[in-house]
Amino acid sequence: MSPRSATFHSPSPDATHALARALATHLAPGAVVLLSGDVGAGKTHFARGVIQALLETPEDVPSPTFTLVQSYPGRSGEIWHADLYRLTDASELEELGLFAAFDEAICLVEWPDRLGETAPREALSLLFDAGDTDEARTLTATWSDDRWTQAIEDMRNG
C-alpha cells in the first residue's frame, strides 16, 4: 500500500486540541501515533489533547521527557505516552516495554526517529511544524494503513 498524506493548518492551541480530540475518537489498543517535529513544535500539546479525550476521569498529563513513558487508564484500554528524546540506546526500548505496548495499548510516541527500523509500519505519523504565527502549527499526517483514512477525514472535517 502506498503512503498517503494530508496537511492541517492549526491557527491556535485550541484548534490543535480539536484535531487531537477528533483523532482520539478513532484510537483503540494497537493504534500507534508517531509525533515528530522540533522542540516546541506542539507534539506534547497534541498528545495531551488525545489523552485527555480518552480518559474516563480528567487528570494532569505531564510531559514524559524525564520518565520516558507515562501510562494512563483510558476508556477503551491503556494509553502510553512516550517521549524518546533522552533515549541513549535502542536497547532501552525493550526495557521500557514499548514493543509490547504497540500491540496492547494506544501509543503516542514523541521523537519516533529513535525507534529506527523498529517503528511500526502501520502507525500514523504526524509531523509538527511552526506556523506563520507563534501559536499556529502545520501538521502533516502520513499513513499507509487504511484504518487511518476515516480518522484523517474526521480531523479534516472537525
N, C-alpha and C. Protein backbone atom coordinates (compact mmCIF):
# COMPACT_ATOMS: atom_id res chain seq x y z
N MET A 1 0.86 -1.18 0.00
CA MET A 1 0.00 0.00 0.00
C MET A 1 0.90 1.24 0.00
N SER A 2 0.60 2.17 -0.87
CA SER A 2 1.42 3.38 -0.96
C SER A 2 1.00 4.39 0.11
N PRO A 3 1.98 5.13 0.63
CA PRO A 3 1.67 6.12 1.67
C PRO A 3 0.77 7.25 1.15
N ARG A 4 -0.08 7.72 2.03
CA ARG A 4 -0.93 8.87 1.74
C ARG A 4 -0.59 9.96 2.73
N SER A 5 -0.98 11.19 2.43
CA SER A 5 -0.69 12.28 3.36
C SER A 5 -1.79 13.33 3.31
N ALA A 6 -1.86 14.09 4.39
CA ALA A 6 -2.80 15.20 4.50
C ALA A 6 -2.14 16.26 5.36
N THR A 7 -2.43 17.52 5.08
CA THR A 7 -1.86 18.62 5.83
C THR A 7 -2.97 19.41 6.51
N PHE A 8 -2.72 19.77 7.77
CA PHE A 8 -3.66 20.55 8.56
C PHE A 8 -2.98 21.82 9.02
N HIS A 9 -3.68 22.93 8.92
CA HIS A 9 -3.17 24.20 9.41
C HIS A 9 -3.97 24.56 10.66
N SER A 10 -3.28 24.65 11.77
CA SER A 10 -3.92 24.94 13.05
C SER A 10 -3.52 26.34 13.50
N PRO A 11 -4.47 27.27 13.61
CA PRO A 11 -4.12 28.65 13.96
C PRO A 11 -3.85 28.88 15.45
N SER A 12 -4.23 27.89 16.30
CA SER A 12 -4.12 28.13 17.75
C SER A 12 -3.98 26.82 18.51
N PRO A 13 -3.55 26.90 19.77
CA PRO A 13 -3.52 25.69 20.61
C PRO A 13 -4.90 25.03 20.73
N ASP A 14 -5.96 25.82 20.82
CA ASP A 14 -7.31 25.25 20.90
C ASP A 14 -7.66 24.47 19.64
N ALA A 15 -7.28 24.99 18.49
CA ALA A 15 -7.53 24.29 17.23
C ALA A 15 -6.72 23.00 17.15
N THR A 16 -5.50 23.02 17.70
CA THR A 16 -4.68 21.81 17.73
C THR A 16 -5.32 20.77 18.64
N HIS A 17 -5.86 21.20 19.77
CA HIS A 17 -6.57 20.29 20.67
C HIS A 17 -7.79 19.69 19.98
N ALA A 18 -8.48 20.48 19.18
CA ALA A 18 -9.66 19.97 18.46
C ALA A 18 -9.24 18.87 17.48
N LEU A 19 -8.12 19.04 16.80
CA LEU A 19 -7.61 17.99 15.92
C LEU A 19 -7.29 16.73 16.72
N ALA A 20 -6.68 16.92 17.88
CA ALA A 20 -6.33 15.78 18.74
C ALA A 20 -7.58 15.03 19.19
N ARG A 21 -8.61 15.76 19.58
CA ARG A 21 -9.86 15.12 20.02
C ARG A 21 -10.52 14.36 18.87
N ALA A 22 -10.46 14.91 17.67
CA ALA A 22 -11.04 14.23 16.51
C ALA A 22 -10.30 12.92 16.23
N LEU A 23 -8.99 12.93 16.36
CA LEU A 23 -8.22 11.70 16.16
C LEU A 23 -8.52 10.70 17.27
N ALA A 24 -8.63 11.17 18.50
CA ALA A 24 -8.82 10.29 19.65
C ALA A 24 -10.02 9.37 19.49
N THR A 25 -11.07 9.84 18.84
CA THR A 25 -12.27 9.01 18.69
C THR A 25 -12.01 7.76 17.86
N HIS A 26 -10.89 7.71 17.15
CA HIS A 26 -10.56 6.56 16.30
C HIS A 26 -9.49 5.66 16.89
N LEU A 27 -9.03 5.96 18.10
CA LEU A 27 -7.93 5.20 18.68
C LEU A 27 -8.42 4.08 19.59
N ALA A 28 -7.81 2.92 19.42
CA ALA A 28 -8.10 1.74 20.24
C ALA A 28 -6.78 1.03 20.47
N PRO A 29 -6.73 0.10 21.42
CA PRO A 29 -5.49 -0.63 21.64
C PRO A 29 -4.92 -1.19 20.34
N GLY A 30 -3.62 -1.02 20.18
CA GLY A 30 -2.94 -1.42 18.94
C GLY A 30 -2.68 -0.24 18.01
N ALA A 31 -3.29 0.91 18.30
CA ALA A 31 -3.05 2.11 17.47
C ALA A 31 -1.78 2.79 17.94
N VAL A 32 -0.92 3.14 16.99
CA VAL A 32 0.33 3.83 17.29
C VAL A 32 0.37 5.12 16.47
N VAL A 33 0.61 6.24 17.18
CA VAL A 33 0.73 7.55 16.53
C VAL A 33 2.13 8.07 16.83
N LEU A 34 2.88 8.35 15.78
CA LEU A 34 4.25 8.83 15.88
C LEU A 34 4.26 10.34 15.69
N LEU A 35 4.76 11.07 16.70
CA LEU A 35 4.72 12.54 16.70
C LEU A 35 6.14 13.08 16.52
N SER A 36 6.38 13.72 15.38
CA SER A 36 7.70 14.26 15.07
C SER A 36 7.64 15.77 14.94
N GLY A 37 8.80 16.40 15.13
CA GLY A 37 8.90 17.85 14.99
C GLY A 37 9.93 18.38 15.95
N ASP A 38 10.31 19.62 15.75
CA ASP A 38 11.31 20.25 16.60
C ASP A 38 10.79 20.42 18.03
N VAL A 39 11.70 20.71 18.95
CA VAL A 39 11.33 21.05 20.31
C VAL A 39 10.39 22.26 20.26
N GLY A 40 9.28 22.19 20.97
CA GLY A 40 8.32 23.29 21.00
C GLY A 40 7.36 23.34 19.83
N ALA A 41 7.36 22.32 18.98
CA ALA A 41 6.50 22.32 17.80
C ALA A 41 5.05 21.97 18.10
N GLY A 42 4.77 21.41 19.29
CA GLY A 42 3.38 21.10 19.64
C GLY A 42 3.08 19.62 19.81
N LYS A 43 4.09 18.77 19.80
CA LYS A 43 3.87 17.33 19.93
C LYS A 43 3.21 16.98 21.27
N THR A 44 3.77 17.48 22.36
CA THR A 44 3.23 17.16 23.68
C THR A 44 1.85 17.78 23.86
N HIS A 45 1.64 18.98 23.36
CA HIS A 45 0.33 19.63 23.45
C HIS A 45 -0.73 18.76 22.75
N PHE A 46 -0.39 18.25 21.57
CA PHE A 46 -1.31 17.40 20.82
C PHE A 46 -1.56 16.10 21.60
N ALA A 47 -0.48 15.48 22.10
CA ALA A 47 -0.63 14.22 22.85
C ALA A 47 -1.53 14.43 24.07
N ARG A 48 -1.37 15.54 24.76
CA ARG A 48 -2.23 15.84 25.92
C ARG A 48 -3.70 15.89 25.49
N GLY A 49 -3.96 16.51 24.37
CA GLY A 49 -5.34 16.59 23.87
C GLY A 49 -5.93 15.22 23.59
N VAL A 50 -5.13 14.35 22.98
CA VAL A 50 -5.59 12.98 22.70
C VAL A 50 -5.86 12.25 24.01
N ILE A 51 -4.89 12.30 24.92
CA ILE A 51 -5.01 11.56 26.18
C ILE A 51 -6.20 12.06 26.98
N GLN A 52 -6.35 13.36 27.11
CA GLN A 52 -7.48 13.90 27.88
C GLN A 52 -8.82 13.50 27.28
N ALA A 53 -8.88 13.38 25.96
CA ALA A 53 -10.12 12.95 25.31
C ALA A 53 -10.43 11.48 25.58
N LEU A 54 -9.41 10.69 25.88
CA LEU A 54 -9.58 9.25 26.08
C LEU A 54 -9.73 8.83 27.54
N LEU A 55 -9.46 9.75 28.46
CA LEU A 55 -9.53 9.42 29.89
C LEU A 55 -10.96 9.38 30.39
N GLU A 56 -11.24 8.45 31.28
CA GLU A 56 -12.54 8.38 31.95
C GLU A 56 -12.70 9.56 32.90
N THR A 57 -11.63 9.84 33.65
CA THR A 57 -11.62 10.94 34.61
C THR A 57 -10.48 11.88 34.24
N PRO A 58 -10.75 13.17 34.00
CA PRO A 58 -9.68 14.09 33.62
C PRO A 58 -8.57 14.13 34.67
N GLU A 59 -7.34 14.23 34.21
CA GLU A 59 -6.20 14.37 35.11
C GLU A 59 -5.10 15.14 34.39
N ASP A 60 -4.12 15.58 35.16
CA ASP A 60 -2.98 16.28 34.60
C ASP A 60 -2.19 15.31 33.71
N VAL A 61 -1.72 15.79 32.59
CA VAL A 61 -0.95 14.97 31.66
C VAL A 61 0.41 15.63 31.49
N PRO A 62 1.38 15.23 32.32
CA PRO A 62 2.72 15.83 32.22
C PRO A 62 3.49 15.29 31.02
N SER A 63 4.50 16.00 30.62
CA SER A 63 5.39 15.52 29.57
C SER A 63 6.23 14.38 30.12
N PRO A 64 6.38 13.30 29.38
CA PRO A 64 7.19 12.18 29.86
C PRO A 64 8.68 12.32 29.52
N THR A 65 9.15 13.54 29.34
CA THR A 65 10.53 13.76 28.93
C THR A 65 11.53 13.07 29.87
N PHE A 66 11.31 13.16 31.18
CA PHE A 66 12.27 12.59 32.11
C PHE A 66 11.96 11.15 32.48
N THR A 67 10.69 10.76 32.44
CA THR A 67 10.32 9.37 32.77
C THR A 67 10.34 8.48 31.54
N LEU A 68 10.42 9.05 30.37
CA LEU A 68 10.37 8.40 29.06
C LEU A 68 8.97 7.90 28.70
N VAL A 69 8.23 7.34 29.67
CA VAL A 69 6.89 6.82 29.39
C VAL A 69 5.96 7.16 30.55
N GLN A 70 4.76 7.59 30.22
CA GLN A 70 3.67 7.74 31.17
C GLN A 70 2.53 6.87 30.64
N SER A 71 1.83 6.19 31.51
CA SER A 71 0.67 5.42 31.06
C SER A 71 -0.57 5.87 31.81
N TYR A 72 -1.70 5.71 31.15
CA TYR A 72 -2.99 6.17 31.68
C TYR A 72 -4.05 5.11 31.40
N PRO A 73 -5.02 4.97 32.31
CA PRO A 73 -6.13 4.04 32.06
C PRO A 73 -7.20 4.74 31.22
N GLY A 74 -7.28 4.42 29.96
CA GLY A 74 -8.28 5.03 29.09
C GLY A 74 -9.58 4.25 29.09
N ARG A 75 -10.61 4.84 28.52
CA ARG A 75 -11.92 4.17 28.44
C ARG A 75 -11.87 2.86 27.66
N SER A 76 -11.07 2.84 26.58
CA SER A 76 -11.03 1.63 25.74
C SER A 76 -9.75 0.82 25.93
N GLY A 77 -8.92 1.20 26.86
CA GLY A 77 -7.68 0.47 27.11
C GLY A 77 -6.59 1.41 27.57
N GLU A 78 -5.46 0.84 27.88
CA GLU A 78 -4.34 1.62 28.38
C GLU A 78 -3.78 2.54 27.29
N ILE A 79 -3.33 3.71 27.73
CA ILE A 79 -2.72 4.70 26.84
C ILE A 79 -1.28 4.89 27.28
N TRP A 80 -0.36 4.79 26.35
CA TRP A 80 1.05 5.04 26.63
C TRP A 80 1.48 6.30 25.89
N HIS A 81 2.13 7.20 26.62
CA HIS A 81 2.70 8.42 26.04
C HIS A 81 4.20 8.33 26.26
N ALA A 82 4.94 8.16 25.19
CA ALA A 82 6.40 8.00 25.28
C ALA A 82 7.09 9.20 24.65
N ASP A 83 8.13 9.67 25.31
CA ASP A 83 8.99 10.73 24.78
C ASP A 83 10.39 10.15 24.74
N LEU A 84 10.86 9.85 23.55
CA LEU A 84 12.13 9.13 23.38
C LEU A 84 13.31 10.07 23.18
N TYR A 85 13.12 11.36 23.42
CA TYR A 85 14.18 12.34 23.19
C TYR A 85 15.46 11.99 23.94
N ARG A 86 15.33 11.57 25.19
CA ARG A 86 16.51 11.29 26.01
C ARG A 86 17.01 9.84 25.89
N LEU A 87 16.42 9.08 25.02
CA LEU A 87 16.84 7.70 24.84
C LEU A 87 18.29 7.67 24.37
N THR A 88 19.10 6.89 25.04
CA THR A 88 20.53 6.86 24.68
C THR A 88 20.91 5.65 23.85
N ASP A 89 20.10 4.59 23.90
CA ASP A 89 20.44 3.38 23.16
C ASP A 89 19.15 2.65 22.80
N ALA A 90 19.09 2.11 21.61
CA ALA A 90 17.88 1.42 21.15
C ALA A 90 17.51 0.23 22.04
N SER A 91 18.48 -0.34 22.75
CA SER A 91 18.18 -1.47 23.63
C SER A 91 17.24 -1.06 24.76
N GLU A 92 17.20 0.22 25.09
CA GLU A 92 16.30 0.70 26.16
C GLU A 92 14.83 0.56 25.78
N LEU A 93 14.54 0.49 24.49
CA LEU A 93 13.15 0.35 24.05
C LEU A 93 12.53 -0.93 24.58
N GLU A 94 13.29 -2.02 24.54
CA GLU A 94 12.79 -3.29 25.05
C GLU A 94 12.55 -3.21 26.55
N GLU A 95 13.47 -2.56 27.27
CA GLU A 95 13.34 -2.41 28.73
C GLU A 95 12.09 -1.62 29.11
N LEU A 96 11.74 -0.66 28.28
CA LEU A 96 10.55 0.16 28.56
C LEU A 96 9.25 -0.62 28.36
N GLY A 97 9.30 -1.70 27.60
CA GLY A 97 8.10 -2.46 27.29
C GLY A 97 7.31 -1.87 26.14
N LEU A 98 7.95 -0.98 25.39
CA LEU A 98 7.25 -0.26 24.33
C LEU A 98 6.78 -1.18 23.21
N PHE A 99 7.57 -2.19 22.85
CA PHE A 99 7.17 -3.07 21.75
C PHE A 99 5.90 -3.84 22.09
N ALA A 100 5.77 -4.30 23.32
CA ALA A 100 4.54 -4.98 23.73
C ALA A 100 3.38 -3.99 23.74
N ALA A 101 3.64 -2.76 24.18
CA ALA A 101 2.59 -1.75 24.22
C ALA A 101 2.05 -1.43 22.83
N PHE A 102 2.90 -1.51 21.81
CA PHE A 102 2.43 -1.25 20.44
C PHE A 102 1.26 -2.16 20.08
N ASP A 103 1.25 -3.38 20.60
CA ASP A 103 0.18 -4.33 20.31
C ASP A 103 -0.99 -4.23 21.27
N GLU A 104 -0.73 -3.79 22.50
CA GLU A 104 -1.72 -3.91 23.57
C GLU A 104 -2.34 -2.59 24.03
N ALA A 105 -1.75 -1.46 23.66
CA ALA A 105 -2.20 -0.17 24.18
C ALA A 105 -2.33 0.83 23.03
N ILE A 106 -2.91 1.98 23.33
CA ILE A 106 -2.87 3.12 22.42
C ILE A 106 -1.54 3.80 22.72
N CYS A 107 -0.71 3.98 21.71
CA CYS A 107 0.63 4.54 21.93
C CYS A 107 0.83 5.84 21.16
N LEU A 108 1.26 6.86 21.89
CA LEU A 108 1.64 8.14 21.32
C LEU A 108 3.13 8.28 21.57
N VAL A 109 3.92 8.38 20.50
CA VAL A 109 5.37 8.34 20.63
C VAL A 109 5.98 9.62 20.06
N GLU A 110 6.58 10.42 20.95
CA GLU A 110 7.32 11.59 20.53
C GLU A 110 8.77 11.18 20.24
N TRP A 111 9.38 11.83 19.28
CA TRP A 111 10.74 11.54 18.82
C TRP A 111 10.85 10.10 18.31
N PRO A 112 9.95 9.70 17.40
CA PRO A 112 9.95 8.32 16.91
C PRO A 112 11.16 7.97 16.06
N ASP A 113 11.96 8.96 15.67
CA ASP A 113 13.18 8.66 14.92
C ASP A 113 14.10 7.75 15.74
N ARG A 114 13.97 7.78 17.08
CA ARG A 114 14.78 6.94 17.95
C ARG A 114 14.41 5.47 17.81
N LEU A 115 13.24 5.19 17.23
CA LEU A 115 12.82 3.80 17.00
C LEU A 115 13.56 3.17 15.83
N GLY A 116 14.01 3.99 14.91
CA GLY A 116 14.69 3.46 13.72
C GLY A 116 13.81 2.49 12.97
N GLU A 117 14.38 1.35 12.62
CA GLU A 117 13.67 0.33 11.85
C GLU A 117 12.58 -0.38 12.64
N THR A 118 12.53 -0.16 13.95
CA THR A 118 11.52 -0.84 14.76
C THR A 118 10.19 -0.09 14.83
N ALA A 119 10.11 1.07 14.19
CA ALA A 119 8.85 1.82 14.18
C ALA A 119 7.77 1.01 13.46
N PRO A 120 6.59 0.89 14.05
CA PRO A 120 5.52 0.11 13.41
C PRO A 120 5.13 0.70 12.05
N ARG A 121 5.11 -0.12 11.04
CA ARG A 121 4.79 0.34 9.68
C ARG A 121 3.33 0.80 9.54
N GLU A 122 2.45 0.25 10.39
CA GLU A 122 1.03 0.60 10.30
C GLU A 122 0.68 1.85 11.11
N ALA A 123 1.68 2.48 11.70
CA ALA A 123 1.45 3.67 12.53
C ALA A 123 1.03 4.87 11.68
N LEU A 124 0.35 5.80 12.34
CA LEU A 124 0.07 7.11 11.76
C LEU A 124 1.21 8.03 12.17
N SER A 125 1.81 8.71 11.21
CA SER A 125 2.89 9.66 11.51
C SER A 125 2.36 11.08 11.39
N LEU A 126 2.65 11.89 12.40
CA LEU A 126 2.28 13.30 12.38
C LEU A 126 3.54 14.14 12.55
N LEU A 127 3.79 15.01 11.60
CA LEU A 127 4.93 15.92 11.64
C LEU A 127 4.41 17.30 11.98
N PHE A 128 4.96 17.90 13.05
CA PHE A 128 4.55 19.21 13.53
C PHE A 128 5.58 20.25 13.12
N ASP A 129 5.11 21.33 12.52
CA ASP A 129 5.97 22.45 12.14
C ASP A 129 5.37 23.75 12.65
N ALA A 130 6.22 24.72 12.92
CA ALA A 130 5.75 26.05 13.31
C ALA A 130 4.95 26.64 12.16
N GLY A 131 3.93 27.40 12.52
CA GLY A 131 3.10 28.05 11.52
C GLY A 131 3.55 29.48 11.30
N ASP A 132 2.67 30.29 10.72
CA ASP A 132 3.02 31.66 10.37
C ASP A 132 2.85 32.65 11.53
N THR A 133 2.34 32.18 12.69
CA THR A 133 2.30 32.98 13.91
C THR A 133 2.87 32.12 15.05
N ASP A 134 3.10 32.73 16.21
CA ASP A 134 3.67 31.99 17.34
C ASP A 134 2.82 30.80 17.76
N GLU A 135 1.51 30.92 17.65
CA GLU A 135 0.62 29.85 18.11
C GLU A 135 0.19 28.90 17.01
N ALA A 136 0.43 29.25 15.76
CA ALA A 136 -0.01 28.42 14.64
C ALA A 136 0.93 27.23 14.43
N ARG A 137 0.36 26.14 13.96
CA ARG A 137 1.12 24.93 13.64
C ARG A 137 0.61 24.34 12.34
N THR A 138 1.51 23.67 11.65
CA THR A 138 1.15 22.87 10.49
C THR A 138 1.43 21.42 10.84
N LEU A 139 0.43 20.57 10.66
CA LEU A 139 0.57 19.14 10.92
C LEU A 139 0.46 18.41 9.59
N THR A 140 1.43 17.56 9.33
CA THR A 140 1.38 16.73 8.14
C THR A 140 1.23 15.28 8.58
N ALA A 141 0.12 14.68 8.19
CA ALA A 141 -0.16 13.28 8.52
C ALA A 141 0.27 12.41 7.36
N THR A 142 0.91 11.29 7.68
CA THR A 142 1.31 10.32 6.67
C THR A 142 0.91 8.94 7.18
N TRP A 143 0.29 8.14 6.31
CA TRP A 143 -0.14 6.80 6.69
C TRP A 143 -0.24 5.92 5.46
N SER A 144 -0.17 4.61 5.67
CA SER A 144 -0.39 3.66 4.59
C SER A 144 -1.46 2.64 4.94
N ASP A 145 -1.76 2.49 6.23
CA ASP A 145 -2.80 1.57 6.69
C ASP A 145 -4.17 2.23 6.52
N ASP A 146 -5.08 1.54 5.86
CA ASP A 146 -6.41 2.08 5.57
C ASP A 146 -7.19 2.50 6.82
N ARG A 147 -6.84 1.92 7.99
CA ARG A 147 -7.61 2.25 9.19
C ARG A 147 -7.51 3.73 9.56
N TRP A 148 -6.51 4.44 9.03
CA TRP A 148 -6.34 5.86 9.38
C TRP A 148 -7.13 6.79 8.47
N THR A 149 -7.62 6.30 7.36
CA THR A 149 -8.27 7.18 6.38
C THR A 149 -9.47 7.92 6.96
N GLN A 150 -10.34 7.21 7.67
CA GLN A 150 -11.52 7.87 8.25
C GLN A 150 -11.12 8.83 9.36
N ALA A 151 -10.12 8.47 10.14
CA ALA A 151 -9.64 9.36 11.21
C ALA A 151 -9.16 10.68 10.61
N ILE A 152 -8.40 10.60 9.54
CA ILE A 152 -7.88 11.81 8.89
C ILE A 152 -9.04 12.63 8.33
N GLU A 153 -10.02 11.96 7.74
CA GLU A 153 -11.18 12.66 7.21
C GLU A 153 -11.94 13.39 8.33
N ASP A 154 -12.09 12.74 9.48
CA ASP A 154 -12.78 13.37 10.61
C ASP A 154 -11.96 14.54 11.17
N MET A 155 -10.65 14.43 11.17
CA MET A 155 -9.81 15.56 11.58
C MET A 155 -10.00 16.72 10.61
N ARG A 156 -10.08 16.41 9.34
CA ARG A 156 -10.25 17.44 8.31
C ARG A 156 -11.59 18.15 8.45
N ASN A 157 -12.63 17.39 8.81
CA ASN A 157 -13.97 17.95 8.87
C ASN A 157 -14.33 18.53 10.24
N GLY A 158 -13.41 18.37 11.20
CA GLY A 158 -13.61 18.95 12.52
C GLY A 158 -14.71 18.31 13.26
